[in-house]
Amino acid sequence: MVPIAELSADAARRIDFVLTDIDDTITTGGKLPAAAYRALWDLHDAGINVIPVTGRPAGWCDLISRQWPVAAVIGENGACAFLMDGEHQVIVRHPMAPEPGASRERLERIAAEAYRAVPGCRAAKDQFSRVYDIAVDFREEPPMLGYDDADRIREVFQAAGAHAKVSSIHVNAWFGDYDKRSMATHLLRERFGLDIDDHRANERVLYCGDSPNDEPMFERFAVSVGVANIVDFASVLRSLPAFVTRGRSADGFCEAVDHLLALRRKNGSNGLDDPL
């Protein structure tokens, strides 16, 4: 990882998609600061397509797609994406995701095992608006459990054959061969005509994240940024982001956006004249 200040003007000029995690990347302490929301608008006003990529539920994605300055939003760790086509909302389900609700009973049975195995963990409060996965809260609300506890929760789900990822606040689990990375690849290709297997297309995307469930995205995108709290997980990550900010969480996101846009203004580029 090198400081985000080392992102070059040429690299900044090519960026016209910013994909970003939400919790502890554009939020701090569970809140979306005004500066971070302003940064999303600054990207939008610069002609950059913003796509949050989150473990948060489909119900949140409905609101985000309608009310935030975003081109789309990917939710439930890649199960679904929401975007607006004019005044109409489009919902995209990952080709490998199960039918809505199909895995609910199995996931709830495994979650019950996790609750017994790790005292203090519990169903996330946003579970009521989830469609494809289950979220176990280990540190969004008290009691604040450790990441060793989160790893134990993850192991319980994986032992039962489910996929499971640890975020900064939840362990998310699901059935179906998908994740943030595969859904981002699918959505960019099918809805935005961007094949990120082509290195020139890949260079048009910047990804920003903060935790182990962002690792597949750090690996997938050449221009990947970790806010400073990613350093907390550096010892357990095999694929680190290319760049890191000085600031943690939302401060780091704003730092990355400010640097990106300053470089683009200096070059007088909107990034749209760079052919594939």
C-alpha atoms as a PDB file:
ATOM      1  CA  MET A   1       0.000   0.000   0.000  1.00  0.00           C
ATOM      2  CA  VAL A   2       1.214   3.477  -0.848  1.00  0.00           C
ATOM      3  CA  PRO A   3      -0.347   6.795   0.222  1.00  0.00           C
ATOM      4  CA  ILE A   4      -3.319   7.972  -1.845  1.00  0.00           C
ATOM      5  CA  ALA A   5      -1.299  11.135  -2.505  1.00  0.00           C
ATOM      6  CA  GLU A   6       0.777   9.003  -4.892  1.00  0.00           C
ATOM      7  CA  LEU A   7      -2.182   8.365  -7.206  1.00  0.00           C
ATOM      8  CA  SER A   8      -1.040   9.843 -10.494  1.00  0.00           C
ATOM      9  CA  ALA A   9      -2.779  12.454 -12.596  1.00  0.00           C
ATOM     10  CA  ASP A  10      -2.935  10.001 -15.504  1.00  0.00           C
ATOM     11  CA  ALA A  11      -4.662   7.385 -13.340  1.00  0.00           C
ATOM     12  CA  ALA A  12      -7.100   9.978 -11.976  1.00  0.00           C
ATOM     13  CA  ARG A  13      -7.960  11.157 -15.480  1.00  0.00           C
ATOM     14  CA  ARG A  14      -9.090   7.668 -16.468  1.00  0.00           C
ATOM     15  CA  ILE A  15     -11.463   7.151 -13.517  1.00  0.00           C
ATOM     16  CA  ASP A  16     -15.167   7.456 -14.306  1.00  0.00           C
ATOM     17  CA  PHE A  17     -16.543   4.903 -11.826  1.00  0.00           C
ATOM     18  CA  VAL A  18     -16.081   5.004  -8.054  1.00  0.00           C
ATOM     19  CA  LEU A  19     -17.271   1.889  -6.246  1.00  0.00           C
ATOM     20  CA  THR A  20     -17.250   2.098  -2.478  1.00  0.00           C
ATOM     21  CA  ASP A  21     -18.150   0.181   0.631  1.00  0.00           C
ATOM     22  CA  ILE A  22     -20.465   2.015   3.056  1.00  0.00           C
ATOM     23  CA  ASP A  23     -19.944   1.097   6.738  1.00  0.00           C
ATOM     24  CA  ASP A  24     -16.730   2.556   8.174  1.00  0.00           C
ATOM     25  CA  THR A  25     -15.693   3.648   4.672  1.00  0.00           C
ATOM     26  CA  ILE A  26     -18.062   6.518   3.977  1.00  0.00           C
ATOM     27  CA  THR A  27     -19.540   6.443   7.492  1.00  0.00           C
ATOM     28  CA  THR A  28     -17.872   7.066  10.840  1.00  0.00           C
ATOM     29  CA  GLY A  29     -19.276   5.626  14.042  1.00  0.00           C
ATOM     30  CA  GLY A  30     -22.435   4.579  12.216  1.00  0.00           C
ATOM     31  CA  LYS A  31     -23.165   8.063  10.842  1.00  0.00           C
ATOM     32  CA  LEU A  32     -22.870   9.469   7.313  1.00  0.00           C
ATOM     33  CA  PRO A  33     -21.074  12.791   7.825  1.00  0.00           C
ATOM     34  CA  ALA A  34     -22.088  15.806   5.767  1.00  0.00           C
ATOM     35  CA  ALA A  35     -18.620  15.921   4.212  1.00  0.00           C
ATOM     36  CA  ALA A  36     -18.892  12.321   2.971  1.00  0.00           C
ATOM     37  CA  TYR A  37     -22.330  12.919   1.481  1.00  0.00           C
ATOM     38  CA  ARG A  38     -20.945  16.070  -0.124  1.00  0.00           C
ATOM     39  CA  ALA A  39     -18.098  13.982  -1.549  1.00  0.00           C
ATOM     40  CA  LEU A  40     -20.652  11.679  -3.206  1.00  0.00           C
ATOM     41  CA  TRP A  41     -22.295  14.714  -4.788  1.00  0.00           C
ATOM     42  CA  ASP A  42     -18.912  16.087  -5.840  1.00  0.00           C
ATOM     43  CA  LEU A  43     -18.204  12.826  -7.685  1.00  0.00           C
ATOM     44  CA  HIS A  44     -21.652  12.899  -9.268  1.00  0.00           C
ATOM     45  CA  ASP A  45     -21.241  16.524 -10.354  1.00  0.00           C
ATOM     46  CA  ALA A  46     -17.851  15.659 -11.880  1.00  0.00           C
ATOM     47  CA  GLY A  47     -19.546  13.074 -14.106  1.00  0.00           C
ATOM     48  CA  ILE A  48     -18.249  10.069 -12.170  1.00  0.00           C
ATOM     49  CA  ASN A  49     -20.600   7.122 -11.641  1.00  0.00           C
ATOM     50  CA  VAL A  50     -20.813   6.234  -7.948  1.00  0.00           C
ATOM     51  CA  ILE A  51     -21.826   2.688  -7.001  1.00  0.00           C
ATOM     52  CA  PRO A  52     -21.906   1.752  -3.295  1.00  0.00           C
ATOM     53  CA  VAL A  53     -21.112  -1.941  -2.781  1.00  0.00           C
ATOM     54  CA  THR A  54     -22.308  -3.057   0.627  1.00  0.00           C
ATOM     55  CA  GLY A  55     -23.360  -5.878   2.888  1.00  0.00           C
ATOM     56  CA  ARG A  56     -26.375  -3.807   3.901  1.00  0.00           C
ATOM     57  CA  PRO A  57     -29.852  -5.117   3.042  1.00  0.00           C
ATOM     58  CA  ALA A  58     -31.962  -4.830  -0.076  1.00  0.00           C
ATOM     59  CA  GLY A  59     -34.337  -2.527   1.785  1.00  0.00           C
ATOM     60  CA  TRP A  60     -31.547  -0.005   2.293  1.00  0.00           C
ATOM     61  CA  CYS A  61     -30.592  -0.297  -1.377  1.00  0.00           C
ATOM     62  CA  ASP A  62     -34.115   0.734  -2.397  1.00  0.00           C
ATOM     63  CA  LEU A  63     -33.709   4.028  -0.537  1.00  0.00           C
ATOM     64  CA  ILE A  64     -30.094   4.609  -1.593  1.00  0.00           C
ATOM     65  CA  SER A  65     -30.850   4.103  -5.283  1.00  0.00           C
ATOM     66  CA  ARG A  66     -33.710   6.602  -5.099  1.00  0.00           C
ATOM     67  CA  GLN A  67     -32.273   9.301  -2.826  1.00  0.00           C
ATOM     68  CA  TRP A  68     -28.460   9.262  -3.078  1.00  0.00           C
ATOM     69  CA  PRO A  69     -26.456  10.646  -6.030  1.00  0.00           C
ATOM     70  CA  VAL A  70     -25.519   7.173  -7.256  1.00  0.00           C
ATOM     71  CA  ALA A  71     -25.642   5.322 -10.560  1.00  0.00           C
ATOM     72  CA  ALA A  72     -26.530   2.053  -8.780  1.00  0.00           C
ATOM     73  CA  VAL A  73     -26.042   0.270  -5.462  1.00  0.00           C
ATOM     74  CA  ILE A  74     -25.022  -3.352  -4.853  1.00  0.00           C
ATOM     75  CA  GLY A  75     -26.397  -4.902  -1.672  1.00  0.00           C
ATOM     76  CA  GLU A  76     -26.295  -7.998   0.525  1.00  0.00           C
ATOM     77  CA  ASN A  77     -22.677  -8.684  -0.461  1.00  0.00           C
ATOM     78  CA  GLY A  78     -23.499  -9.027  -4.140  1.00  0.00           C
ATOM     79  CA  ALA A  79     -26.897 -10.734  -4.189  1.00  0.00           C
ATOM     80  CA  CYS A  80     -28.702  -7.795  -5.765  1.00  0.00           C
ATOM     81  CA  ALA A  81     -28.319  -4.347  -7.260  1.00  0.00           C
ATOM     82  CA  PHE A  82     -30.750  -1.453  -7.506  1.00  0.00           C
ATOM     83  CA  LEU A  83     -30.629   1.403 -10.000  1.00  0.00           C
ATOM     84  CA  MET A  84     -32.937   4.014 -11.432  1.00  0.00           C
ATOM     85  CA  ASP A  85     -33.871   4.073 -15.107  1.00  0.00           C
ATOM     86  CA  GLY A  86     -35.459   7.479 -15.317  1.00  0.00           C
ATOM     87  CA  GLU A  87     -38.351   7.396 -12.853  1.00  0.00           C
ATOM     88  CA  HIS A  88     -38.423   3.587 -12.722  1.00  0.00           C
ATOM     89  CA  GLN A  89     -36.353   1.434 -10.399  1.00  0.00           C
ATOM     90  CA  VAL A  90     -34.575  -1.613 -11.825  1.00  0.00           C
ATOM     91  CA  ILE A  91     -33.622  -4.517  -9.548  1.00  0.00           C
ATOM     92  CA  VAL A  92     -30.889  -6.891 -10.722  1.00  0.00           C
ATOM     93  CA  ARG A  93     -30.431 -10.272  -9.037  1.00  0.00           C
ATOM     94  CA  HIS A  94     -27.075 -11.999  -9.300  1.00  0.00           C
ATOM     95  CA  PRO A  95     -27.367 -14.995 -11.675  1.00  0.00           C
ATOM     96  CA  MET A  96     -26.156 -17.306  -8.886  1.00  0.00           C
ATOM     97  CA  ALA A  97     -28.316 -15.891  -6.094  1.00  0.00           C
ATOM     98  CA  PRO A  98     -31.238 -18.041  -4.895  1.00  0.00           C
ATOM     99  CA  GLU A  99     -34.850 -17.003  -5.184  1.00  0.00           C
ATOM    100  CA  PRO A 100     -35.734 -14.330  -2.615  1.00  0.00           C
ATOM    101  CA  GLY A 101     -36.233 -15.907   0.800  1.00  0.00           C
ATOM    102  CA  ALA A 102     -35.348 -19.408  -0.379  1.00  0.00           C
ATOM    103  CA  SER A 103     -32.476 -19.814   2.099  1.00  0.00           C
ATOM    104  CA  ARG A 104     -34.087 -18.125   5.084  1.00  0.00           C
ATOM    105  CA  GLU A 105     -34.906 -21.186   7.211  1.00  0.00           C
ATOM    106  CA  ARG A 106     -31.509 -22.831   6.686  1.00  0.00           C
ATOM    107  CA  LEU A 107     -29.674 -19.621   7.526  1.00  0.00           C
ATOM    108  CA  GLU A 108     -31.753 -19.034  10.642  1.00  0.00           C
ATOM    109  CA  ARG A 109     -30.985 -22.560  11.904  1.00  0.00           C
ATOM    110  CA  ILE A 110     -27.244 -21.983  11.455  1.00  0.00           C
ATOM    111  CA  ALA A 111     -27.501 -18.537  13.042  1.00  0.00           C
ATOM    112  CA  ALA A 112     -29.050 -20.140  16.115  1.00  0.00           C
ATOM    113  CA  GLU A 113     -25.934 -22.322  16.382  1.00  0.00           C
ATOM    114  CA  ALA A 114     -23.733 -19.229  16.099  1.00  0.00           C
ATOM    115  CA  TYR A 115     -25.671 -17.466  18.869  1.00  0.00           C
ATOM    116  CA  ARG A 116     -25.026 -20.445  21.142  1.00  0.00           C
ATOM    117  CA  ALA A 117     -21.367 -20.724  20.143  1.00  0.00           C
ATOM    118  CA  VAL A 118     -20.561 -17.034  20.603  1.00  0.00           C
ATOM    119  CA  PRO A 119     -22.447 -15.516  23.545  1.00  0.00           C
ATOM    120  CA  GLY A 120     -23.399 -11.909  22.958  1.00  0.00           C
ATOM    121  CA  CYS A 121     -23.744 -12.061  19.188  1.00  0.00           C
ATOM    122  CA  ARG A 122     -27.270 -11.534  17.855  1.00  0.00           C
ATOM    123  CA  ALA A 123     -29.323 -10.901  14.757  1.00  0.00           C
ATOM    124  CA  ALA A 124     -28.574  -7.534  13.150  1.00  0.00           C
ATOM    125  CA  LYS A 125     -31.319  -4.965  13.580  1.00  0.00           C
ATOM    126  CA  ASP A 126     -31.542  -4.519   9.799  1.00  0.00           C
ATOM    127  CA  GLN A 127     -32.396  -8.210   9.272  1.00  0.00           C
ATOM    128  CA  PHE A 128     -36.080  -7.416   8.674  1.00  0.00           C
ATOM    129  CA  SER A 129     -35.209  -5.762   5.363  1.00  0.00           C
ATOM    130  CA  ARG A 130     -32.892  -8.506   4.066  1.00  0.00           C
ATOM    131  CA  VAL A 131     -33.935 -10.769   1.203  1.00  0.00           C
ATOM    132  CA  TYR A 132     -31.016 -13.121   0.494  1.00  0.00           C
ATOM    133  CA  ASP A 133     -28.654 -13.275   3.472  1.00  0.00           C
ATOM    134  CA  ILE A 134     -28.499 -13.191   7.227  1.00  0.00           C
ATOM    135  CA  ALA A 135     -26.451 -10.721   9.255  1.00  0.00           C
ATOM    136  CA  VAL A 136     -25.090 -11.424  12.720  1.00  0.00           C
ATOM    137  CA  ASP A 137     -24.201  -8.328  14.713  1.00  0.00           C
ATOM    138  CA  PHE A 138     -20.982  -8.567  16.685  1.00  0.00           C
ATOM    139  CA  ARG A 139     -20.119  -4.882  17.088  1.00  0.00           C
ATOM    140  CA  GLU A 140     -22.647  -2.528  15.484  1.00  0.00           C
ATOM    141  CA  GLU A 141     -24.387  -2.241  18.868  1.00  0.00           C
ATOM    142  CA  PRO A 142     -23.241  -3.235  22.374  1.00  0.00           C
ATOM    143  CA  PRO A 143     -21.976  -5.622  23.502  1.00  0.00           C
ATOM    144  CA  MET A 144     -18.962  -4.969  21.285  1.00  0.00           C
ATOM    145  CA  LEU A 145     -17.363  -8.330  20.529  1.00  0.00           C
ATOM    146  CA  GLY A 146     -13.907  -8.873  19.069  1.00  0.00           C
ATOM    147  CA  TYR A 147     -12.829 -10.005  15.625  1.00  0.00           C
ATOM    148  CA  ASP A 148     -11.871 -13.387  17.083  1.00  0.00           C
ATOM    149  CA  ASP A 149     -15.559 -13.778  17.926  1.00  0.00           C
ATOM    150  CA  ALA A 150     -16.470 -12.728  14.393  1.00  0.00           C
ATOM    151  CA  ASP A 151     -14.145 -15.385  13.000  1.00  0.00           C
ATOM    152  CA  ARG A 152     -15.850 -18.017  15.161  1.00  0.00           C
ATOM    153  CA  ILE A 153     -19.277 -16.924  13.869  1.00  0.00           C
ATOM    154  CA  ARG A 154     -17.962 -17.131  10.315  1.00  0.00           C
ATOM    155  CA  GLU A 155     -16.612 -20.623  10.944  1.00  0.00           C
ATOM    156  CA  VAL A 156     -20.005 -21.846  12.193  1.00  0.00           C
ATOM    157  CA  PHE A 157     -21.666 -20.769   8.944  1.00  0.00           C
ATOM    158  CA  GLN A 158     -18.890 -22.112   6.746  1.00  0.00           C
ATOM    159  CA  ALA A 159     -18.962 -25.471   8.513  1.00  0.00           C
ATOM    160  CA  ALA A 160     -22.623 -25.723   7.500  1.00  0.00           C
ATOM    161  CA  GLY A 161     -21.809 -25.019   3.849  1.00  0.00           C
ATOM    162  CA  ALA A 162     -22.716 -21.333   3.708  1.00  0.00           C
ATOM    163  CA  HIS A 163     -20.599 -18.467   2.442  1.00  0.00           C
ATOM    164  CA  ALA A 164     -19.702 -16.008   5.206  1.00  0.00           C
ATOM    165  CA  LYS A 165     -17.797 -12.728   5.313  1.00  0.00           C
ATOM    166  CA  VAL A 166     -16.716 -10.511   8.188  1.00  0.00           C
ATOM    167  CA  SER A 167     -17.315  -6.777   7.883  1.00  0.00           C
ATOM    168  CA  SER A 168     -16.438  -4.115  10.425  1.00  0.00           C
ATOM    169  CA  ILE A 169     -19.770  -4.675  12.245  1.00  0.00           C
ATOM    170  CA  HIS A 170     -21.503  -7.853  11.009  1.00  0.00           C
ATOM    171  CA  VAL A 171     -20.870 -11.373   9.831  1.00  0.00           C
ATOM    172  CA  ASN A 172     -22.955 -11.871   6.686  1.00  0.00           C
ATOM    173  CA  ALA A 173     -23.837 -15.372   5.517  1.00  0.00           C
ATOM    174  CA  TRP A 174     -25.644 -16.710   2.462  1.00  0.00           C
ATOM    175  CA  PHE A 175     -26.081 -19.615   0.082  1.00  0.00           C
ATOM    176  CA  GLY A 176     -25.178 -19.040  -3.556  1.00  0.00           C
ATOM    177  CA  ASP A 177     -21.913 -18.652  -5.452  1.00  0.00           C
ATOM    178  CA  TYR A 178     -21.645 -14.866  -5.528  1.00  0.00           C
ATOM    179  CA  ASP A 179     -19.924 -12.007  -3.740  1.00  0.00           C
ATOM    180  CA  LYS A 180     -19.281  -8.283  -4.103  1.00  0.00           C
ATOM    181  CA  ARG A 181     -16.660  -8.902  -6.771  1.00  0.00           C
ATOM    182  CA  SER A 182     -18.712 -11.098  -9.086  1.00  0.00           C
ATOM    183  CA  MET A 183     -21.758  -8.838  -8.848  1.00  0.00           C
ATOM    184  CA  ALA A 184     -19.686  -5.733  -9.570  1.00  0.00           C
ATOM    185  CA  THR A 185     -18.239  -7.486 -12.611  1.00  0.00           C
ATOM    186  CA  HIS A 186     -21.717  -8.542 -13.782  1.00  0.00           C
ATOM    187  CA  LEU A 187     -23.360  -5.166 -13.192  1.00  0.00           C
ATOM    188  CA  LEU A 188     -20.618  -3.140 -14.848  1.00  0.00           C
ATOM    189  CA  ARG A 189     -20.696  -5.376 -17.914  1.00  0.00           C
ATOM    190  CA  GLU A 190     -24.452  -5.805 -18.309  1.00  0.00           C
ATOM    191  CA  ARG A 191     -25.665  -2.337 -17.302  1.00  0.00           C
ATOM    192  CA  PHE A 192     -22.727  -0.049 -18.062  1.00  0.00           C
ATOM    193  CA  GLY A 193     -20.976  -1.868 -20.917  1.00  0.00           C
ATOM    194  CA  LEU A 194     -17.690  -2.061 -19.012  1.00  0.00           C
ATOM    195  CA  ASP A 195     -15.754  -5.332 -19.212  1.00  0.00           C
ATOM    196  CA  ILE A 196     -13.276  -5.052 -16.384  1.00  0.00           C
ATOM    197  CA  ASP A 197     -11.361  -8.099 -17.609  1.00  0.00           C
ATOM    198  CA  ASP A 198      -9.913  -5.597 -20.094  1.00  0.00           C
ATOM    199  CA  HIS A 199      -7.146  -3.785 -18.218  1.00  0.00           C
ATOM    200  CA  ARG A 200      -8.001  -0.462 -19.866  1.00  0.00           C
ATOM    201  CA  ALA A 201     -11.580  -0.759 -18.681  1.00  0.00           C
ATOM    202  CA  ASN A 202     -10.429  -1.875 -15.226  1.00  0.00           C
ATOM    203  CA  GLU A 203      -8.394   1.324 -14.920  1.00  0.00           C
ATOM    204  CA  ARG A 204     -11.605   3.341 -15.227  1.00  0.00           C
ATOM    205  CA  VAL A 205     -12.761   2.076 -11.812  1.00  0.00           C
ATOM    206  CA  LEU A 206     -11.614   3.123  -8.342  1.00  0.00           C
ATOM    207  CA  TYR A 207     -12.720   0.960  -5.412  1.00  0.00           C
ATOM    208  CA  CYS A 208     -12.642   2.126  -1.790  1.00  0.00           C
ATOM    209  CA  GLY A 209     -13.116  -0.124   1.259  1.00  0.00           C
ATOM    210  CA  ASP A 210     -12.105  -0.785   4.840  1.00  0.00           C
ATOM    211  CA  SER A 211     -12.332  -4.431   5.919  1.00  0.00           C
ATOM    212  CA  PRO A 212     -11.793  -8.124   5.040  1.00  0.00           C
ATOM    213  CA  ASN A 213     -15.043  -8.424   3.065  1.00  0.00           C
ATOM    214  CA  ASP A 214     -13.585  -5.864   0.642  1.00  0.00           C
ATOM    215  CA  GLU A 215     -10.572  -8.051  -0.117  1.00  0.00           C
ATOM    216  CA  PRO A 216     -12.001  -9.548  -3.347  1.00  0.00           C
ATOM    217  CA  MET A 217     -12.545  -6.002  -4.613  1.00  0.00           C
ATOM    218  CA  PHE A 218      -9.021  -4.919  -3.693  1.00  0.00           C
ATOM    219  CA  GLU A 219      -7.771  -7.867  -5.708  1.00  0.00           C
ATOM    220  CA  ARG A 220     -10.115  -7.216  -8.666  1.00  0.00           C
ATOM    221  CA  PHE A 221      -9.427  -3.527  -9.283  1.00  0.00           C
ATOM    222  CA  ALA A 222      -6.033  -2.041 -10.080  1.00  0.00           C
ATOM    223  CA  VAL A 223      -6.983   1.297  -8.532  1.00  0.00           C
ATOM    224  CA  SER A 224      -8.076   0.176  -5.058  1.00  0.00           C
ATOM    225  CA  VAL A 225      -8.027   2.337  -1.952  1.00  0.00           C
ATOM    226  CA  GLY A 226      -8.249   1.399   1.698  1.00  0.00           C
ATOM    227  CA  VAL A 227      -9.224   4.003   4.247  1.00  0.00           C
ATOM    228  CA  ALA A 228      -6.713   4.016   7.103  1.00  0.00           C
ATOM    229  CA  ASN A 229      -8.654   1.507   9.226  1.00  0.00           C
ATOM    230  CA  ILE A 230      -7.741  -1.184   6.685  1.00  0.00           C
ATOM    231  CA  VAL A 231      -4.357  -1.258   8.435  1.00  0.00           C
ATOM    232  CA  ASP A 232      -6.116  -2.902  11.402  1.00  0.00           C
ATOM    233  CA  PHE A 233      -6.643  -5.970   9.201  1.00  0.00           C
ATOM    234  CA  ALA A 234      -3.399  -5.931   7.209  1.00  0.00           C
ATOM    235  CA  SER A 235      -2.040  -9.034   8.919  1.00  0.00           C
ATOM    236  CA  VAL A 236      -5.010 -11.176   7.825  1.00  0.00           C
ATOM    237  CA  LEU A 237      -5.417  -9.909   4.262  1.00  0.00           C
ATOM    238  CA  ARG A 238      -3.742 -11.638   1.342  1.00  0.00           C
ATOM    239  CA  SER A 239      -4.731  -8.892  -1.114  1.00  0.00           C
ATOM    240  CA  LEU A 240      -4.125  -5.373   0.117  1.00  0.00           C
ATOM    241  CA  PRO A 241      -5.397  -2.243  -1.627  1.00  0.00           C
ATOM    242  CA  ALA A 242      -2.968  -0.390  -3.868  1.00  0.00           C
ATOM    243  CA  PHE A 243      -3.416   2.868  -1.952  1.00  0.00           C
ATOM    244  CA  VAL A 244      -4.213   3.877   1.614  1.00  0.00           C
ATOM    245  CA  THR A 245      -5.468   7.140   3.094  1.00  0.00           C
ATOM    246  CA  ARG A 246      -4.209   8.965   6.168  1.00  0.00           C
ATOM    247  CA  GLY A 247      -7.732   9.424   7.505  1.00  0.00           C
ATOM    248  CA  ARG A 248      -9.906   6.678   8.913  1.00  0.00           C
ATOM    249  CA  SER A 249     -13.432   5.883   7.728  1.00  0.00           C
ATOM    250  CA  ALA A 250     -15.322   8.845   6.233  1.00  0.00           C
ATOM    251  CA  ASP A 251     -12.348  11.183   6.658  1.00  0.00           C
ATOM    252  CA  GLY A 252     -10.304   8.813   4.532  1.00  0.00           C
ATOM    253  CA  PHE A 253     -13.001   8.551   1.885  1.00  0.00           C
ATOM    254  CA  CYS A 254     -13.200  12.348   1.630  1.00  0.00           C
ATOM    255  CA  GLU A 255      -9.406  12.497   1.411  1.00  0.00           C
ATOM    256  CA  ALA A 256      -9.389  10.049  -1.515  1.00  0.00           C
ATOM    257  CA  VAL A 257     -12.199  11.858  -3.334  1.00  0.00           C
ATOM    258  CA  ASP A 258     -10.631  15.276  -2.815  1.00  0.00           C
ATOM    259  CA  HIS A 259      -7.299  14.064  -4.214  1.00  0.00           C
ATOM    260  CA  LEU A 260      -8.933  12.353  -7.184  1.00  0.00           C
ATOM    261  CA  LEU A 261     -10.998  15.383  -8.131  1.00  0.00           C
ATOM    262  CA  ALA A 262      -8.141  17.838  -7.586  1.00  0.00           C
ATOM    263  CA  LEU A 263      -5.984  15.876 -10.019  1.00  0.00           C
ATOM    264  CA  ARG A 264      -8.777  15.777 -12.578  1.00  0.00           C
ATOM    265  CA  ARG A 265      -9.426  19.528 -12.280  1.00  0.00           C
ATOM    266  CA  LYS A 266      -5.718  20.202 -12.697  1.00  0.00           C
ATOM    267  CA  ASN A 267      -5.770  18.202 -15.919  1.00  0.00           C
ATOM    268  CA  GLY A 268      -9.078  19.657 -17.090  1.00  0.00           C
ATOM    269  CA  SER A 269     -10.370  16.161 -17.798  1.00  0.00           C
ATOM    270  CA  ASN A 270     -13.781  14.626 -17.273  1.00  0.00           C
ATOM    271  CA  GLY A 271     -12.352  11.179 -17.957  1.00  0.00           C
ATOM    272  CA  LEU A 272     -14.846  10.457 -20.723  1.00  0.00           C
ATOM    273  CA  ASP A 273     -12.555  11.066 -23.682  1.00  0.00           C
ATOM    274  CA  ASP A 274     -10.243   8.151 -22.963  1.00  0.00           C
ATOM    275  CA  PRO A 275     -11.186   5.380 -25.419  1.00  0.00           C
ATOM    276  CA  LEU A 276     -11.232   1.756 -24.439  1.00  0.00           C
END
